[in-house]
Each structure stands twice: as C-alpha cells, then as structure tokens.
Protein backbone atom coordinates (compact mmCIF):
# COMPACT_ATOMS: atom_id res chain seq x y z
CA MET A 1 -28.17 11.62 4.60
CA VAL A 2 -24.50 11.34 3.69
CA SER A 3 -22.22 13.48 5.84
CA THR A 4 -19.83 16.01 4.37
CA GLU A 5 -16.92 14.22 6.02
CA LEU A 6 -17.86 10.91 4.37
CA LEU A 7 -18.07 12.57 0.96
CA LEU A 8 -14.61 14.08 1.46
CA VAL A 9 -13.26 10.70 2.57
CA LEU A 10 -14.71 9.01 -0.52
CA PHE A 11 -13.18 11.62 -2.81
CA ALA A 12 -9.81 11.29 -1.07
CA LEU A 13 -9.92 7.49 -1.33
CA PHE A 14 -10.69 7.78 -5.03
CA ALA A 15 -7.71 10.11 -5.51
CA VAL A 16 -5.38 7.84 -3.54
CA ALA A 17 -6.50 4.78 -5.52
CA PHE A 18 -5.89 6.58 -8.81
CA LEU A 19 -2.48 7.91 -7.80
CA TYR A 20 -1.15 4.75 -6.18
CA SER A 21 -2.43 2.35 -8.85
CA SER A 22 -0.71 4.45 -11.51
CA VAL A 23 2.61 3.18 -10.11
CA GLY A 24 1.41 -0.35 -9.33
CA LEU A 25 0.56 0.17 -5.65
CA GLY A 26 -2.61 -0.74 -3.76
CA GLY A 27 -2.72 2.45 -1.69
CA GLY A 28 -2.73 0.98 1.82
CA SER A 29 -0.51 3.66 3.34
CA GLY A 30 -2.57 6.31 1.52
CA TYR A 31 -5.87 4.94 2.83
CA LEU A 32 -4.45 4.91 6.34
CA ALA A 33 -3.32 8.50 5.78
CA VAL A 34 -6.80 9.60 4.70
CA LEU A 35 -8.57 7.80 7.55
CA SER A 36 -6.02 9.17 10.02
CA MET A 37 -7.05 12.73 9.12
CA THR A 38 -10.75 12.13 9.92
CA SER A 39 -12.92 10.97 12.79
CA PHE A 40 -12.11 7.40 11.72
CA ALA A 41 -8.67 7.93 13.30
CA SER A 42 -10.27 7.15 16.67
CA SER A 43 -11.19 3.64 15.49
CA ASN A 44 -9.21 0.71 16.85
CA THR A 45 -6.12 -0.63 15.12
CA ILE A 46 -7.62 -3.69 13.47
CA TRP A 47 -10.46 -1.59 12.03
CA LEU A 48 -7.96 0.61 10.19
CA LYS A 49 -5.80 -2.30 9.07
CA GLN A 50 -8.62 -4.43 7.69
CA TYR A 51 -10.02 -1.63 5.53
CA ALA A 52 -6.57 -0.80 4.17
CA TRP A 53 -6.01 -4.45 3.26
CA SER A 54 -9.46 -4.85 1.72
CA LEU A 55 -9.12 -1.77 -0.47
CA ASN A 56 -5.63 -2.94 -1.41
CA LEU A 57 -7.10 -6.17 -2.78
CA ILE A 58 -9.34 -4.23 -5.14
CA VAL A 59 -6.82 -1.68 -6.38
CA ALA A 60 -3.67 -3.81 -6.47
CA GLY A 61 -5.60 -6.53 -8.28
CA MET A 62 -6.53 -4.15 -11.07
CA ALA A 63 -3.04 -2.66 -11.17
CA PHE A 64 -1.49 -6.10 -11.59
CA TRP A 65 -3.98 -7.00 -14.31
CA TYR A 66 -3.09 -3.96 -16.42
CA PHE A 67 0.67 -4.07 -15.91
CA GLN A 68 0.75 -7.83 -16.54
CA LYS A 69 -1.47 -7.45 -19.59
CA SER A 70 0.97 -4.86 -20.93
CA GLY A 71 3.80 -7.39 -20.62
CA HIS A 72 5.65 -5.86 -17.67
CA HIS A 73 5.41 -8.73 -15.15
CA VAL A 74 8.57 -10.84 -14.68
CA ARG A 75 7.65 -13.98 -12.73
CA GLY A 76 11.22 -14.82 -11.83
CA LEU A 77 11.59 -11.39 -10.22
CA SER A 78 8.34 -11.52 -8.23
CA ALA A 79 8.52 -15.12 -7.00
CA PRO A 80 11.17 -14.90 -4.22
CA PHE A 81 9.85 -11.61 -2.85
CA VAL A 82 6.30 -12.96 -2.70
CA ALA A 83 7.27 -16.39 -1.35
CA ALA A 84 9.00 -14.80 1.64
CA SER A 85 6.56 -11.97 2.28
CA VAL A 86 3.21 -13.79 2.30
CA PRO A 87 3.76 -16.00 5.39
CA MET A 88 5.45 -13.13 7.23
CA ALA A 89 2.52 -10.81 6.47
CA ALA A 90 0.15 -13.39 7.94
CA ILE A 91 2.27 -13.54 11.09
CA GLY A 92 2.32 -9.75 11.29
CA GLY A 93 -1.45 -9.57 10.82
CA PHE A 94 -1.88 -11.88 13.80
CA PHE A 95 -0.28 -9.34 16.13
CA LEU A 96 -2.38 -6.61 17.73
CA VAL A 97 -0.55 -3.32 18.24
CA GLU A 98 -2.59 -0.66 20.02
CA GLY A 99 -2.43 2.95 21.12
CA ALA A 100 0.74 5.00 21.06
CA ILE A 101 2.89 2.17 19.70
CA TYR A 102 0.67 1.82 16.65
CA ASP A 103 0.57 5.59 16.14
CA VAL A 104 4.37 5.75 16.19
CA LEU A 105 4.76 2.78 13.83
CA LEU A 106 2.18 4.17 11.41
CA SER A 107 3.74 7.63 11.48
CA ILE A 108 7.21 6.23 10.84
CA THR A 109 5.79 4.18 7.98
CA LEU A 110 4.17 7.22 6.40
CA VAL A 111 7.31 9.35 6.74
CA VAL A 112 9.55 6.62 5.31
CA ALA A 113 7.08 6.07 2.47
CA ALA A 114 7.16 9.78 1.66
CA TRP A 115 10.95 9.84 1.76
CA ARG A 116 11.13 6.79 -0.50
CA LEU A 117 8.81 8.40 -3.01
CA VAL A 118 10.93 11.56 -3.04
CA SER A 119 14.24 9.72 -3.33
CA SER A 120 13.25 7.14 -5.94
CA ASP A 121 13.48 7.71 -9.67
CA LEU A 122 11.04 5.80 -11.87
CA ALA A 123 12.93 6.46 -15.07
CA GLU A 124 14.01 3.54 -17.24
CA ILE A 125 17.35 2.12 -16.07
CA GLU A 126 19.71 -0.76 -16.76
CA VAL A 127 18.65 -3.54 -14.39
CA PHE A 128 20.45 -6.34 -12.58
CA ARG A 129 18.29 -9.08 -11.03
CA PRO A 130 18.78 -9.53 -7.26
CA ARG A 131 20.12 -12.70 -5.70
CA ILE A 132 17.37 -15.02 -4.52
CA SER A 133 18.68 -14.86 -0.95
CA THR A 134 18.56 -11.05 -1.02
CA ALA A 135 15.04 -11.05 -2.42
CA ILE A 136 13.87 -13.49 0.27
CA VAL A 137 15.28 -11.37 3.10
CA VAL A 138 13.86 -8.12 1.71
CA GLY A 139 10.49 -9.72 0.99
CA GLY A 140 10.26 -11.29 4.45
CA VAL A 141 11.11 -8.08 6.31
CA ILE A 142 8.65 -6.00 4.29
CA GLY A 143 5.99 -8.69 4.65
CA LEU A 144 6.25 -8.78 8.45
CA ALA A 145 6.17 -4.99 8.73
CA SER A 146 3.20 -4.85 6.38
CA GLY A 147 1.23 -7.30 8.48
CA VAL A 148 1.90 -5.46 11.73
CA ILE A 149 1.14 -1.98 10.38
CA GLY A 150 -1.69 -2.87 8.02
CA ILE A 151 -0.39 -2.12 4.52
CA GLY A 152 0.52 -4.19 1.49
CA GLY A 153 4.19 -3.23 1.55
CA GLY A 154 4.46 -2.09 -2.04
CA ILE A 155 5.30 1.44 -0.92
CA PHE A 156 8.61 0.00 0.35
CA LEU A 157 9.20 -2.68 -2.28
CA LEU A 158 8.71 -0.43 -5.31
CA PRO A 159 11.47 2.07 -4.40
CA ALA A 160 13.71 -0.82 -3.29
CA LEU A 161 13.38 -2.46 -6.70
CA VAL A 162 14.15 0.78 -8.52
CA LEU A 163 16.91 2.05 -6.21
CA GLY A 164 18.55 -1.39 -6.22
CA ARG A 165 18.36 -1.42 -10.02
CA TRP A 166 16.58 -4.76 -9.80
CA ALA A 167 13.77 -3.79 -12.16
CA SER A 168 12.66 -1.14 -14.61
CA ALA A 169 9.88 1.22 -13.53
CA LYS A 170 7.04 -0.80 -15.00
CA GLU A 171 8.53 -4.17 -14.04
CA ALA A 172 8.76 -2.85 -10.48
CA ALA A 173 5.14 -1.68 -10.65
CA ALA A 174 3.96 -5.11 -11.81
CA THR A 175 5.91 -6.91 -9.08
CA ALA A 176 4.77 -4.44 -6.42
CA SER A 177 1.11 -4.88 -7.35
CA ILE A 178 1.07 -8.68 -6.99
CA PHE A 179 3.20 -8.33 -3.85
CA VAL A 180 0.64 -5.94 -2.34
CA TRP A 181 -2.33 -8.10 -3.32
CA LEU A 182 -0.96 -11.29 -1.78
CA ASN A 183 0.36 -9.56 1.35
CA SER A 184 -2.99 -7.86 1.93
CA LEU A 185 -4.83 -11.17 1.59
CA SER A 186 -2.32 -12.79 3.92
CA GLY A 187 -2.73 -10.01 6.48
CA LEU A 188 -6.51 -10.42 6.43
CA ILE A 189 -6.17 -14.16 6.88
CA GLY A 190 -3.87 -13.63 9.85
CA ALA A 191 -6.26 -11.15 11.45
CA SER A 192 -9.20 -13.47 10.79
CA ALA A 193 -7.36 -16.38 12.40
CA ALA A 194 -6.92 -14.20 15.47
CA GLY A 195 -10.67 -13.45 15.47
CA ARG A 196 -10.23 -9.72 14.94
CA ILE A 197 -12.18 -9.00 11.74
CA GLU A 198 -14.77 -6.22 12.20
CA PHE A 199 -16.14 -5.25 8.78
CA ASP A 200 -18.94 -2.70 8.41
CA LEU A 201 -20.53 -3.25 4.99
CA SER A 202 -22.18 0.18 5.10
CA LEU A 203 -18.65 1.62 4.84
CA LEU A 204 -16.86 -1.14 2.94
CA LEU A 205 -19.23 -0.93 -0.04
CA PRO A 206 -18.84 2.82 -0.72
CA PHE A 207 -15.12 2.70 0.11
CA GLY A 208 -14.65 -0.24 -2.24
CA SER A 209 -16.70 1.33 -5.03
CA VAL A 210 -14.71 4.57 -5.18
CA VAL A 211 -11.30 2.89 -5.02
CA MET A 212 -12.39 0.47 -7.74
CA ILE A 213 -13.14 3.39 -10.06
CA GLY A 214 -9.96 5.23 -9.08
CA GLY A 215 -7.87 2.09 -9.44
CA LEU A 216 -9.34 1.33 -12.85
CA PHE A 217 -8.38 4.68 -14.32
CA GLY A 218 -5.07 4.89 -12.46
CA SER A 219 -3.95 1.42 -13.55
CA ARG A 220 -4.73 2.10 -17.19
CA PHE A 221 -2.94 5.44 -16.99
CA GLY A 222 0.13 4.11 -15.20
CA SER A 223 0.64 1.06 -17.40
CA ARG A 224 1.13 3.38 -20.38
CA VAL A 225 2.95 6.36 -18.78
CA SER A 226 6.46 6.24 -17.27
CA SER A 227 6.83 9.72 -15.73
CA GLN A 228 5.37 9.88 -12.20
CA ARG A 229 7.03 12.95 -10.69
CA GLY A 230 3.79 14.89 -10.18
CA VAL A 231 2.08 11.83 -8.72
CA LYS A 232 4.89 11.28 -6.22
CA GLU A 233 4.79 14.89 -5.06
CA LEU A 234 1.06 14.69 -4.31
CA LEU A 235 1.48 11.43 -2.44
CA VAL A 236 4.31 12.88 -0.36
CA VAL A 237 2.06 15.74 0.77
CA ILE A 238 -0.73 13.34 1.81
CA LEU A 239 1.60 11.01 3.68
CA MET A 240 3.49 13.73 5.53
CA ILE A 241 0.34 15.55 6.67
CA ALA A 242 -1.12 12.33 8.06
CA ALA A 243 2.13 11.33 9.76
CA PHE A 244 2.54 14.66 11.54
CA LYS A 245 -1.13 14.63 12.51
CA ARG A 246 -0.75 11.28 14.26
CA LEU A 247 2.48 12.36 15.97
CA SER A 248 1.01 15.70 17.10
CA GLU A 249 -1.84 13.85 18.80
CA LEU A 250 0.73 11.88 20.81
CA VAL A 251 2.46 15.05 21.99
CA VAL A 252 -0.64 17.08 22.84
C-alpha cells in the first residue's frame, strides 16, 4: 500500500524535475526542498545528498541532451567551469556535515537559490565570454559548495552566466546542465570513496521514474521556449518554504 505522503512526494518530484529541466537544471535544490518538507527530512545528511545527486544525473542528462541537440551548447564556455568544478565537487562530497550546520547551509542555499531566480533575467542578451581564470574560480567555488551541500550547482551557475552576460539564456541552460551532471557524478564518487552511500532501491526506483518523466517533458519544453518567468516564481515559492521550514526547526 503506497502512503499518501509518498504519492505527494512523487508528484512534487515530478513537478520539480519538469520545472528545473525547462531551464537546464537537474533539480537538486528542489529535490532537497521537497524532501525537507516531509518525514524524509529526519534522514541523515548523506541520505538526502545521494538522492539529490542521483536524480540530478537523470534530469540534467536529459536536459543537456535536448539543449545540445538544439545547438545551444558552447564547449569553450562549459570547459573551464566544468574542469574546475568536478574535482572540487568530489572533495566536497567527501565531507560529512551533520545536524544544525547542515540545516543552516541547506537553508542558506535554498534562500540564495530563490533570490538568484528572482533577480536573474533569462531574456536574450548580448554576451561576452568570461576569462578562463574567472571561469575556473567560479566553477571551483560552486563545485566545492555543491559537493558539501548535495546539489549539482546549476542553480548558482545559471544565474551567474546570465547576470555576468557570459551566455544567452539557452547557452547558459546547456552549460548548466552538463555542469550539474558532472558535479553530481563527482559528488557521488566522493561520497562512495568515503564509504557513505546508502541507497534504498525501493525509493530510488519510483523517485527516478517520476523525475525521468518530468525531466523529459521539461527539457523538451525548455529547449524551445525562452520565457521562464512563471517557472521561476513557482520555484521560488518551493525553495523559500523549504528553507524557512528547516530554519524554524532549528529555532523551535
């Protein structure tokens, strides 16, 4: 018998996968937000991180496929960000952050992600490619933070690319998707090297199935549509609710 809570979680994961993949993201921060609003919030840190990374692999992979297939991926743009972020994500995934510290870091991540979504504009703009040194620093910092917190990092990279005028909306989406995929894989490898992988296939299979469907439709939608204002507003609501929920539990 499937519980009502699990059904709601599956629906929410589907929605997050659709929304995030429509802008080239894997949805890691969204999955953490959903799980943080349920009984799964009581699970240990590595449990939350590994599911976020695993679902990222599915959704970001499909997002990259569609944006790349549509001709939006610029290898020269992605390369320095990815080269710096992947090893740093593995290092971050090796660290174990528990209890209140993790709650604070996750809450800050969710709030910043929401703010970035509100402040960024995905309209087409004139772009100027970043210096390689700048891309390496930005990629490395985001990669390390992603590994520690348990996300792919695209939620930070995408607005940075757009706000910095380093890429158009869809170029940023393509770069963010491959960035998320590789960082998530790197984070899982780091956690595995530390002997902290705890997968439950009875949850991973249904979780993975619904995000695959959501990511499929979202990626196809996003690779052909440039306006994402409504999508961003929904994501902001999800992220802010989850962030304040985690912080309220620290205070009470």
